[in-house]
PDB file of N, CA and C in Angstrom:
ATOM      1  N   MET A   1     132.983  70.447  90.150  1.00  0.00           N
ATOM      2  CA  MET A   1     131.640  70.921  90.406  1.00  0.00           C
ATOM      3  C   MET A   1     131.361  71.004  91.899  1.00  0.00           C
ATOM      4  N   ASP A   2     131.886  70.046  92.656  1.00  0.00           N
ATOM      5  CA  ASP A   2     131.667  70.060  94.097  1.00  0.00           C
ATOM      6  C   ASP A   2     132.332  71.259  94.755  1.00  0.00           C
ATOM      7  N   ASP A   3     133.391  71.771  94.132  1.00  0.00           N
ATOM      8  CA  ASP A   3     134.067  72.944  94.679  1.00  0.00           C
ATOM      9  C   ASP A   3     133.225  74.207  94.507  1.00  0.00           C
ATOM     10  N   LEU A   4     132.403  74.230  93.484  1.00  0.00           N
ATOM     11  CA  LEU A   4     131.604  75.418  93.191  1.00  0.00           C
ATOM     12  C   LEU A   4     130.282  75.463  93.949  1.00  0.00           C
ATOM     13  N   LEU A   5     129.831  74.346  94.460  1.00  0.00           N
ATOM     14  CA  LEU A   5     128.520  74.283  95.099  1.00  0.00           C
ATOM     15  C   LEU A   5     128.376  75.249  96.276  1.00  0.00           C
ATOM     16  N   PRO A   6     129.329  75.355  97.192  1.00  0.00           N
ATOM     17  CA  PRO A   6     129.172  76.333  98.284  1.00  0.00           C
ATOM     18  C   PRO A   6     129.104  77.779  97.775  1.00  0.00           C
ATOM     19  N   ASP A   7     129.901  78.097  96.760  1.00  0.00           N
ATOM     20  CA  ASP A   7     129.874  79.451  96.206  1.00  0.00           C
ATOM     21  C   ASP A   7     128.549  79.737  95.505  1.00  0.00           C
ATOM     22  N   LEU A   8     128.048  78.750  94.767  1.00  0.00           N
ATOM     23  CA  LEU A   8     126.765  78.924  94.093  1.00  0.00           C
ATOM     24  C   LEU A   8     125.618  79.069  95.091  1.00  0.00           C
ATOM     25  N   THR A   9     125.659  78.299  96.156  1.00  0.00           N
ATOM     26  CA  THR A   9     124.632  78.398  97.191  1.00  0.00           C
ATOM     27  C   THR A   9     124.669  79.766  97.855  1.00  0.00           C
ATOM     28  N   LEU A  10     125.855  80.242  98.168  1.00  0.00           N
ATOM     29  CA  LEU A  10     126.005  81.564  98.772  1.00  0.00           C
ATOM     30  C   LEU A  10     125.504  82.657  97.829  1.00  0.00           C
ATOM     31  N   ALA A  11     125.868  82.568  96.565  1.00  0.00           N
ATOM     32  CA  ALA A  11     125.434  83.565  95.585  1.00  0.00           C
ATOM     33  C   ALA A  11     123.918  83.542  95.418  1.00  0.00           C
ATOM     34  N   PHE A  12     123.328  82.361  95.393  1.00  0.00           N
ATOM     35  CA  PHE A  12     121.872  82.257  95.282  1.00  0.00           C
ATOM     36  C   PHE A  12     121.192  82.888  96.489  1.00  0.00           C
ATOM     37  N   ASN A  13     121.691  82.599  97.681  1.00  0.00           N
ATOM     38  CA  ASN A  13     121.098  83.163  98.898  1.00  0.00           C
ATOM     39  C   ASN A  13     121.217  84.687  98.922  1.00  0.00           C
ATOM     40  N   GLU A  14     122.366  85.215  98.512  1.00  0.00           N
ATOM     41  CA  GLU A  14     122.544  86.667  98.480  1.00  0.00           C
ATOM     42  C   GLU A  14     121.613  87.313  97.457  1.00  0.00           C
ATOM     43  N   THR A  15     121.471  86.684  96.307  1.00  0.00           N
ATOM     44  CA  THR A  15     120.580  87.205  95.274  1.00  0.00           C
ATOM     45  C   THR A  15     119.134  87.182  95.750  1.00  0.00           C
ATOM     46  N   PHE A  16     118.718  86.106  96.371  1.00  0.00           N
ATOM     47  CA  PHE A  16     117.354  86.002  96.881  1.00  0.00           C
ATOM     48  C   PHE A  16     117.099  87.036  97.971  1.00  0.00           C
ATOM     49  N   GLN A  17     118.093  87.281  98.815  1.00  0.00           N
ATOM     50  CA  GLN A  17     117.953  88.282  99.871  1.00  0.00           C
ATOM     51  C   GLN A  17     117.797  89.686  99.271  1.00  0.00           C
ATOM     52  N   MET A  18     118.605  90.028  98.267  1.00  0.00           N
ATOM     53  CA  MET A  18     118.487  91.332  97.615  1.00  0.00           C
ATOM     54  C   MET A  18     117.130  91.481  96.941  1.00  0.00           C
ATOM     55  N   LEU A  19     116.671  90.425  96.297  1.00  0.00           N
ATOM     56  CA  LEU A  19     115.376  90.444  95.632  1.00  0.00           C
ATOM     57  C   LEU A  19     114.249  90.638  96.640  1.00  0.00           C
ATOM     58  N   SER A  20     114.324  89.946  97.756  1.00  0.00           N
ATOM     59  CA  SER A  20     113.284  90.048  98.778  1.00  0.00           C
ATOM     60  C   SER A  20     113.226  91.445  99.380  1.00  0.00           C
ATOM     61  N   ILE A  21     114.379  92.006  99.695  1.00  0.00           N
ATOM     62  CA  ILE A  21     114.421  93.346 100.288  1.00  0.00           C
ATOM     63  C   ILE A  21     113.882  94.387  99.314  1.00  0.00           C
ATOM     64  N   SER A  22     114.301  94.311  98.063  1.00  0.00           N
ATOM     65  CA  SER A  22     113.833  95.304  97.089  1.00  0.00           C
ATOM     66  C   SER A  22     112.342  95.160  96.813  1.00  0.00           C
ATOM     67  N   THR A  23     111.826  93.941  96.830  1.00  0.00           N
ATOM     68  CA  THR A  23     110.394  93.736  96.624  1.00  0.00           C
ATOM     69  C   THR A  23     109.587  94.317  97.776  1.00  0.00           C
ATOM     70  N   VAL A  24     110.016  94.063  98.993  1.00  0.00           N
ATOM     71  CA  VAL A  24     109.309  94.599 100.161  1.00  0.00           C
ATOM     72  C   VAL A  24     109.347  96.127 100.156  1.00  0.00           C
ATOM     73  N   LEU A  25     110.509  96.711  99.866  1.00  0.00           N
ATOM     74  CA  LEU A  25     110.612  98.170  99.826  1.00  0.00           C
ATOM     75  C   LEU A  25     109.751  98.764  98.714  1.00  0.00           C
ATOM     76  N   ALA A  26     109.700  98.104  97.574  1.00  0.00           N
ATOM     77  CA  ALA A  26     108.873  98.595  96.468  1.00  0.00           C
ATOM     78  C   ALA A  26     107.391  98.546  96.827  1.00  0.00           C
ATOM     79  N   ILE A  27     106.975  97.494  97.500  1.00  0.00           N
ATOM     80  CA  ILE A  27     105.570  97.386  97.901  1.00  0.00           C
ATOM     81  C   ILE A  27     105.237  98.417  98.971  1.00  0.00           C
ATOM     82  N   LEU A  28     106.106  98.549  99.973  1.00  0.00           N
ATOM     83  CA  LEU A  28     105.844  99.497 101.056  1.00  0.00           C
ATOM     84  C   LEU A  28     105.887 100.949 100.591  1.00  0.00           C
ATOM     85  N   GLY A  29     106.691 101.244  99.587  1.00  0.00           N
ATOM     86  CA  GLY A  29     106.759 102.606  99.076  1.00  0.00           C
ATOM     87  C   GLY A  29     105.812 102.865  97.928  1.00  0.00           C
ATOM     88  N   GLY A  30     105.618 101.874  97.075  1.00  0.00           N
ATOM     89  CA  GLY A  30     104.824 102.060  95.868  1.00  0.00           C
ATOM     90  C   GLY A  30     103.327 102.066  96.092  1.00  0.00           C
ATOM     91  N   LEU A  31     102.846 101.190  96.943  1.00  0.00           N
ATOM     92  CA  LEU A  31     101.402 101.148  97.173  1.00  0.00           C
ATOM     93  C   LEU A  31     100.864 102.440  97.790  1.00  0.00           C
ATOM     94  N   PRO A  32     101.488 102.972  98.837  1.00  0.00           N
ATOM     95  CA  PRO A  32     100.974 104.244  99.369  1.00  0.00           C
ATOM     96  C   PRO A  32     101.068 105.394  98.366  1.00  0.00           C
ATOM     97  N   LEU A  33     102.167 105.460  97.610  1.00  0.00           N
ATOM     98  CA  LEU A  33     102.288 106.525  96.615  1.00  0.00           C
ATOM     99  C   LEU A  33     101.241 106.375  95.513  1.00  0.00           C
ATOM    100  N   GLY A  34     101.044 105.179  95.035  1.00  0.00           N
ATOM    101  CA  GLY A  34     100.035 104.946  94.011  1.00  0.00           C
ATOM    102  C   GLY A  34      98.632 105.247  94.507  1.00  0.00           C
ATOM    103  N   PHE A  35      98.346 104.845  95.723  1.00  0.00           N
ATOM    104  CA  PHE A  35      97.043 105.134  96.320  1.00  0.00           C
ATOM    105  C   PHE A  35      96.848 106.635  96.477  1.00  0.00           C
ATOM    106  N   LEU A  36      97.893 107.335  96.924  1.00  0.00           N
ATOM    107  CA  LEU A  36      97.829 108.784  97.101  1.00  0.00           C
ATOM    108  C   LEU A  36      97.583 109.489  95.773  1.00  0.00           C
ATOM    109  N   ILE A  37      98.264 109.052  94.740  1.00  0.00           N
ATOM    110  CA  ILE A  37      98.057 109.647  93.419  1.00  0.00           C
ATOM    111  C   ILE A  37      96.637 109.365  92.927  1.00  0.00           C
ATOM    112  N   PHE A  38      96.150 108.172  93.164  1.00  0.00           N
ATOM    113  CA  PHE A  38      94.807 107.811  92.692  1.00  0.00           C
ATOM    114  C   PHE A  38      93.722 108.636  93.376  1.00  0.00           C
ATOM    115  N   VAL A  39      93.775 108.728  94.699  1.00  0.00           N
ATOM    116  CA  VAL A  39      92.677 109.381  95.424  1.00  0.00           C
ATOM    117  C   VAL A  39      92.734 110.900  95.361  1.00  0.00           C
ATOM    118  N   THR A  40      93.881 111.492  95.025  1.00  0.00           N
ATOM    119  CA  THR A  40      93.962 112.950  94.947  1.00  0.00           C
ATOM    120  C   THR A  40      93.811 113.471  93.526  1.00  0.00           C
ATOM    121  N   ASP A  41      93.533 112.601  92.582  1.00  0.00           N
ATOM    122  CA  ASP A  41      93.330 113.024  91.199  1.00  0.00           C
ATOM    123  C   ASP A  41      92.004 113.783  91.080  1.00  0.00           C
ATOM    124  N   ARG A  42      91.824 114.435  89.962  1.00  0.00           N
ATOM    125  CA  ARG A  42      90.597 115.212  89.739  1.00  0.00           C
ATOM    126  C   ARG A  42      89.363 114.315  89.755  1.00  0.00           C
ATOM    127  N   HIS A  43      88.297 114.843  90.344  1.00  0.00           N
ATOM    128  CA  HIS A  43      86.980 114.202  90.386  1.00  0.00           C
ATOM    129  C   HIS A  43      86.984 112.880  91.156  1.00  0.00           C
ATOM    130  N   LEU A  44      87.849 112.761  92.134  1.00  0.00           N
ATOM    131  CA  LEU A  44      87.851 111.554  92.961  1.00  0.00           C
ATOM    132  C   LEU A  44      87.692 111.934  94.429  1.00  0.00           C
ATOM    133  N   PHE A  45      88.002 111.020  95.324  1.00  0.00           N
ATOM    134  CA  PHE A  45      87.688 111.144  96.743  1.00  0.00           C
ATOM    135  C   PHE A  45      88.223 112.424  97.387  1.00  0.00           C
ATOM    136  N   TRP A  46      89.535 112.576  97.412  1.00  0.00           N
ATOM    137  CA  TRP A  46      90.170 113.711  98.082  1.00  0.00           C
ATOM    138  C   TRP A  46      90.917 114.542  97.056  1.00  0.00           C
ATOM    139  N   GLN A  47      90.202 115.269  96.255  1.00  0.00           N
ATOM    140  CA  GLN A  47      90.842 116.046  95.196  1.00  0.00           C
ATOM    141  C   GLN A  47      91.768 117.084  95.824  1.00  0.00           C
ATOM    142  N   ASN A  48      93.059 116.964  95.534  1.00  0.00           N
ATOM    143  CA  ASN A  48      94.053 117.903  96.039  1.00  0.00           C
ATOM    144  C   ASN A  48      95.157 117.991  94.997  1.00  0.00           C
ATOM    145  N   ARG A  49      95.158 119.059  94.255  1.00  0.00           N
ATOM    146  CA  ARG A  49      96.083 119.213  93.126  1.00  0.00           C
ATOM    147  C   ARG A  49      97.534 119.240  93.587  1.00  0.00           C
ATOM    148  N   PHE A  50      97.831 119.915  94.704  1.00  0.00           N
ATOM    149  CA  PHE A  50      99.209 120.037  95.172  1.00  0.00           C
ATOM    150  C   PHE A  50      99.793 118.676  95.548  1.00  0.00           C
ATOM    151  N   ILE A  51      99.070 117.909  96.349  1.00  0.00           N
ATOM    152  CA  ILE A  51      99.556 116.585  96.763  1.00  0.00           C
ATOM    153  C   ILE A  51      99.702 115.674  95.550  1.00  0.00           C
ATOM    154  N   TYR A  52      98.749 115.758  94.628  1.00  0.00           N
ATOM    155  CA  TYR A  52      98.814 114.956  93.407  1.00  0.00           C
ATOM    156  C   TYR A  52     100.075 115.282  92.606  1.00  0.00           C
ATOM    157  N   LEU A  53     100.368 116.566  92.428  1.00  0.00           N
ATOM    158  CA  LEU A  53     101.548 116.959  91.651  1.00  0.00           C
ATOM    159  C   LEU A  53     102.846 116.545  92.336  1.00  0.00           C
ATOM    160  N   VAL A  54     102.933 116.740  93.651  1.00  0.00           N
ATOM    161  CA  VAL A  54     104.145 116.361  94.381  1.00  0.00           C
ATOM    162  C   VAL A  54     104.369 114.854  94.301  1.00  0.00           C
ATOM    163  N   ALA A  55     103.323 114.070  94.518  1.00  0.00           N
ATOM    164  CA  ALA A  55     103.453 112.612  94.462  1.00  0.00           C
ATOM    165  C   ALA A  55     103.791 112.147  93.047  1.00  0.00           C
ATOM    166  N   SER A  56     103.204 112.775  92.042  1.00  0.00           N
ATOM    167  CA  SER A  56     103.490 112.401  90.652  1.00  0.00           C
ATOM    168  C   SER A  56     104.933 112.697  90.279  1.00  0.00           C
ATOM    169  N   VAL A  57     105.429 113.855  90.695  1.00  0.00           N
ATOM    170  CA  VAL A  57     106.828 114.199  90.413  1.00  0.00           C
ATOM    171  C   VAL A  57     107.758 113.221  91.118  1.00  0.00           C
ATOM    172  N   LEU A  58     107.447 112.879  92.361  1.00  0.00           N
ATOM    173  CA  LEU A  58     108.275 111.923  93.103  1.00  0.00           C
ATOM    174  C   LEU A  58     108.304 110.564  92.406  1.00  0.00           C
ATOM    175  N   VAL A  59     107.170 110.093  91.948  1.00  0.00           N
ATOM    176  CA  VAL A  59     107.110 108.812  91.239  1.00  0.00           C
ATOM    177  C   VAL A  59     107.910 108.883  89.945  1.00  0.00           C
ATOM    178  N   ASN A  60     107.794 109.973  89.206  1.00  0.00           N
ATOM    179  CA  ASN A  60     108.534 110.105  87.951  1.00  0.00           C
ATOM    180  C   ASN A  60     110.039 110.168  88.181  1.00  0.00           C
ATOM    181  N   ILE A  61     110.468 110.797  89.262  1.00  0.00           N
ATOM    182  CA  ILE A  61     111.901 110.821  89.590  1.00  0.00           C
ATOM    183  C   ILE A  61     112.384 109.419  89.927  1.00  0.00           C
ATOM    184  N   ILE A  62     111.624 108.701  90.741  1.00  0.00           N
ATOM    185  CA  ILE A  62     112.010 107.337  91.127  1.00  0.00           C
ATOM    186  C   ILE A  62     112.035 106.419  89.905  1.00  0.00           C
ATOM    187  N   ARG A  63     111.067 106.583  89.008  1.00  0.00           N
ATOM    188  CA  ARG A  63     111.019 105.739  87.809  1.00  0.00           C
ATOM    189  C   ARG A  63     112.196 105.988  86.881  1.00  0.00           C
ATOM    190  N   SER A  64     112.757 107.190  86.888  1.00  0.00           N
ATOM    191  CA  SER A  64     113.847 107.506  85.962  1.00  0.00           C
ATOM    192  C   SER A  64     115.216 107.064  86.473  1.00  0.00           C
ATOM    193  N   VAL A  65     115.335 106.678  87.730  1.00  0.00           N
ATOM    194  CA  VAL A  65     116.635 106.304  88.302  1.00  0.00           C
ATOM    195  C   VAL A  65     117.301 105.148  87.548  1.00  0.00           C
ATOM    196  N   PRO A  66     116.613 104.054  87.212  1.00  0.00           N
ATOM    197  CA  PRO A  66     117.300 102.976  86.478  1.00  0.00           C
ATOM    198  C   PRO A  66     117.866 103.425  85.134  1.00  0.00           C
ATOM    199  N   PHE A  67     117.181 104.341  84.451  1.00  0.00           N
ATOM    200  CA  PHE A  67     117.675 104.809  83.159  1.00  0.00           C
ATOM    201  C   PHE A  67     118.896 105.701  83.325  1.00  0.00           C
ATOM    202  N   VAL A  68     118.962 106.443  84.428  1.00  0.00           N
ATOM    203  CA  VAL A  68     120.134 107.277  84.699  1.00  0.00           C
ATOM    204  C   VAL A  68     121.337 106.391  85.017  1.00  0.00           C
ATOM    205  N   ILE A  69     121.099 105.308  85.748  1.00  0.00           N
ATOM    206  CA  ILE A  69     122.190 104.392  86.106  1.00  0.00           C
ATOM    207  C   ILE A  69     122.756 103.714  84.867  1.00  0.00           C
ATOM    208  N   LEU A  70     121.875 103.324  83.941  1.00  0.00           N
ATOM    209  CA  LEU A  70     122.340 102.646  82.734  1.00  0.00           C
ATOM    210  C   LEU A  70     123.000 103.627  81.810  1.00  0.00           C
TER     211      LEU A  70
END
């Protein structure tokens, strides 16, 4: 068991690092896209059909990537 401890610690740190990076990227990319889709929808603040459609298509493409990988 003592032989595995350094490997387990390294694996845990690498996993936590990957999780942290993906979480930060998801927040930095997802919040602006979600906000853009919300405010450009019909009957809201900045109604803009073109921006709404482009952002919606982009979100749908990003959402489908995990299913394509599997």
